[in-house]
């Protein structure tokens, strides 16, 4: 019998249309003091482009923002299979310092980097990319900028693969 590792929740709906339907991005969030506003803006921007978004965290349960708002992660960091995702976003907020200290988070970044997948850090999420020594990650100020940058990067990759 399969016992789910995370509390039952409704995953973020996957887009059904858009120029990048079928693409899938992963956002890493801290379990506390993460930027939920950036997760929402990221989701909205990627959804419009047709990119599905999953959220991963270090621990079970909701990930809480600085204003006590929350998001339900879809999986734990230990469950991440980088080959299932086209891009990675490290969400900021004061809790990103905790993620930067997690060796598993750094391993996930190395796997995405080694596979040549785009990596974007939002705000303090850059602390995580620096700790993992992934210098090629793009650093942006908010979730909207991250969605725009990822959309452009994924579109470019799709054109290169088809042409």
Protein backbone atom coordinates (compact mmCIF):
# COMPACT_ATOMS: atom_id res chain seq x y z
CA UNK A 1 0.00 0.00 0.00
CA UNK A 2 1.34 3.44 -0.95
CA UNK A 3 1.37 6.02 1.82
CA UNK A 4 1.75 9.58 0.52
CA UNK A 5 4.65 11.51 1.98
CA UNK A 6 2.90 14.86 1.83
CA UNK A 7 -0.53 15.82 3.09
CA UNK A 8 -3.26 15.40 0.52
CA UNK A 9 -3.71 18.60 -1.38
CA UNK A 10 -4.77 19.75 -4.76
CA UNK A 11 -1.73 20.26 -6.99
CA UNK A 12 -1.51 23.45 -8.99
CA UNK A 13 -3.54 22.95 -12.18
CA UNK A 14 -1.47 22.21 -15.28
CA UNK A 15 -2.02 24.47 -18.28
CA UNK A 16 -3.81 23.04 -21.30
CA UNK A 17 -2.71 25.59 -23.84
CA UNK A 18 0.10 27.98 -24.54
CA UNK A 19 3.22 27.89 -26.69
CA UNK A 20 5.12 25.68 -24.21
CA UNK A 21 2.45 23.12 -23.26
CA UNK A 22 4.20 20.01 -22.02
CA UNK A 23 7.11 21.86 -20.40
CA UNK A 24 7.47 21.41 -16.65
CA UNK A 25 9.37 23.59 -14.17
CA UNK A 26 10.26 22.89 -10.56
CA UNK A 27 10.33 25.53 -7.81
CA UNK A 28 12.29 24.90 -4.63
CA UNK A 29 10.88 26.70 -1.60
CA UNK A 30 12.01 26.91 2.01
CA UNK A 31 9.56 25.37 4.50
CA UNK A 32 9.31 28.72 6.31
CA UNK A 33 9.91 32.36 5.41
CA UNK A 34 9.69 31.74 1.67
CA UNK A 35 8.24 34.20 -0.82
CA UNK A 36 4.75 32.87 -1.55
CA UNK A 37 3.99 35.98 -3.63
CA UNK A 38 6.86 35.02 -5.95
CA UNK A 39 5.57 31.44 -6.21
CA UNK A 40 2.14 32.76 -7.22
CA UNK A 41 3.57 35.21 -9.77
CA UNK A 42 5.82 32.48 -11.16
CA UNK A 43 2.90 30.07 -11.46
CA UNK A 44 0.70 32.67 -13.19
CA UNK A 45 3.39 33.65 -15.71
CA UNK A 46 4.36 30.07 -16.52
CA UNK A 47 0.73 28.98 -16.74
CA UNK A 48 0.08 31.60 -19.42
CA UNK A 49 3.03 30.21 -21.41
CA UNK A 50 1.78 26.63 -21.00
CA UNK A 51 4.45 25.51 -18.50
CA UNK A 52 3.37 23.34 -15.56
CA UNK A 53 4.91 24.14 -12.17
CA UNK A 54 5.65 21.77 -9.30
CA UNK A 55 6.85 22.87 -5.88
CA UNK A 56 9.42 21.00 -3.75
CA UNK A 57 10.48 21.60 -0.16
CA UNK A 58 12.82 20.03 2.37
CA UNK A 59 10.09 18.94 4.79
CA UNK A 60 6.53 17.64 4.91
CA UNK A 61 3.59 20.00 5.18
CA UNK A 62 2.85 23.47 3.97
CA UNK A 63 5.58 25.94 3.12
CA UNK A 64 4.88 29.22 4.87
CA UNK A 65 5.66 32.70 3.69
CA UNK A 66 6.85 35.66 5.65
CA UNK A 67 3.23 36.87 5.96
CA UNK A 68 2.04 33.37 7.10
CA UNK A 69 0.47 32.69 3.71
CA UNK A 70 1.29 29.23 2.40
CA UNK A 71 1.69 26.86 -0.51
CA UNK A 72 1.40 23.07 -0.54
CA UNK A 73 4.55 21.48 -1.97
CA UNK A 74 4.01 18.63 -4.41
CA UNK A 75 7.08 16.68 -3.36
CA UNK A 76 10.07 16.57 -1.06
CA UNK A 77 13.54 17.53 -2.29
CA UNK A 78 14.62 13.93 -1.79
CA UNK A 79 11.96 12.84 -4.31
CA UNK A 80 13.10 15.18 -7.10
CA UNK A 81 14.04 13.45 -10.36
CA UNK A 82 15.67 16.25 -12.39
CA UNK A 83 15.03 14.48 -15.71
CA UNK A 84 11.29 15.09 -15.23
CA UNK A 85 11.71 18.87 -15.33
CA UNK A 86 12.81 21.34 -17.97
CA UNK A 87 13.87 24.12 -15.61
CA UNK A 88 14.49 24.95 -11.96
CA UNK A 89 13.58 28.02 -9.92
CA UNK A 90 14.96 28.68 -6.43
CA UNK A 91 12.47 30.90 -4.63
CA UNK A 92 13.75 33.60 -2.30
CA UNK A 93 12.73 34.93 1.05
CA UNK A 94 14.65 34.83 4.35
CA UNK A 95 14.20 31.03 4.50
CA UNK A 96 16.45 30.59 1.46
CA UNK A 97 19.45 30.67 3.83
CA UNK A 98 18.20 27.39 5.29
CA UNK A 99 17.91 25.85 1.83
CA UNK A 100 21.44 27.06 0.98
CA UNK A 101 22.76 25.05 3.95
CA UNK A 102 21.04 21.84 2.77
CA UNK A 103 23.43 19.49 0.89
CA UNK A 104 20.49 17.82 -0.85
CA UNK A 105 19.33 21.17 -2.28
CA UNK A 106 22.83 21.78 -3.60
CA UNK A 107 22.84 18.28 -5.16
CA UNK A 108 19.56 19.04 -6.93
CA UNK A 109 21.05 22.25 -8.34
CA UNK A 110 24.14 20.37 -9.53
CA UNK A 111 21.95 17.79 -11.28
CA UNK A 112 19.98 20.49 -13.14
CA UNK A 113 23.16 22.37 -13.97
CA UNK A 114 24.92 19.22 -15.18
CA UNK A 115 21.97 18.43 -17.45
CA UNK A 116 22.10 21.93 -18.97
CA UNK A 117 18.65 22.90 -17.72
CA UNK A 118 17.91 26.57 -17.02
CA UNK A 119 18.18 27.65 -13.37
CA UNK A 120 16.71 30.89 -12.08
CA UNK A 121 17.06 32.27 -8.55
CA UNK A 122 14.60 34.80 -7.19
CA UNK A 123 16.05 37.31 -4.72
CA UNK A 124 17.60 35.48 -1.76
CA UNK A 125 17.37 32.26 -3.79
CA UNK A 126 20.72 33.41 -5.18
CA UNK A 127 22.21 32.37 -1.81
CA UNK A 128 21.35 28.79 -2.73
CA UNK A 129 22.94 28.99 -6.19
CA UNK A 130 26.07 30.55 -4.67
CA UNK A 131 26.28 27.83 -2.01
CA UNK A 132 25.99 25.21 -4.78
CA UNK A 133 28.56 27.12 -6.86
CA UNK A 134 26.20 27.29 -9.84
CA UNK A 135 27.38 30.60 -11.24
CA UNK A 136 25.43 30.31 -14.49
CA UNK A 137 22.06 30.67 -12.75
CA UNK A 138 20.09 33.77 -13.66
CA UNK A 139 19.20 35.99 -10.71
CA UNK A 140 15.97 38.00 -10.85
CA UNK A 141 14.01 40.18 -8.44
CA UNK A 142 10.59 38.51 -8.49
CA UNK A 143 8.41 35.67 -9.74
CA UNK A 144 7.12 37.62 -12.72
CA UNK A 145 10.66 38.21 -14.01
CA UNK A 146 11.49 34.54 -13.38
CA UNK A 147 8.48 33.41 -15.44
CA UNK A 148 9.40 35.71 -18.33
CA UNK A 149 13.03 34.60 -18.31
CA UNK A 150 12.15 30.90 -18.10
CA UNK A 151 9.54 31.21 -20.83
CA UNK A 152 12.10 32.78 -23.15
CA UNK A 153 14.75 30.22 -22.25
CA UNK A 154 12.42 27.25 -22.74
CA UNK A 155 11.17 28.67 -26.06
CA UNK A 156 14.76 29.05 -27.25
CA UNK A 157 15.58 25.46 -26.20
CA UNK A 158 12.48 24.14 -27.99
CA UNK A 159 13.44 25.94 -31.21
CA UNK A 160 17.00 24.59 -31.01
CA UNK A 161 15.77 21.02 -30.47
CA UNK A 162 13.27 21.17 -33.33
CA UNK A 163 15.51 22.92 -35.82
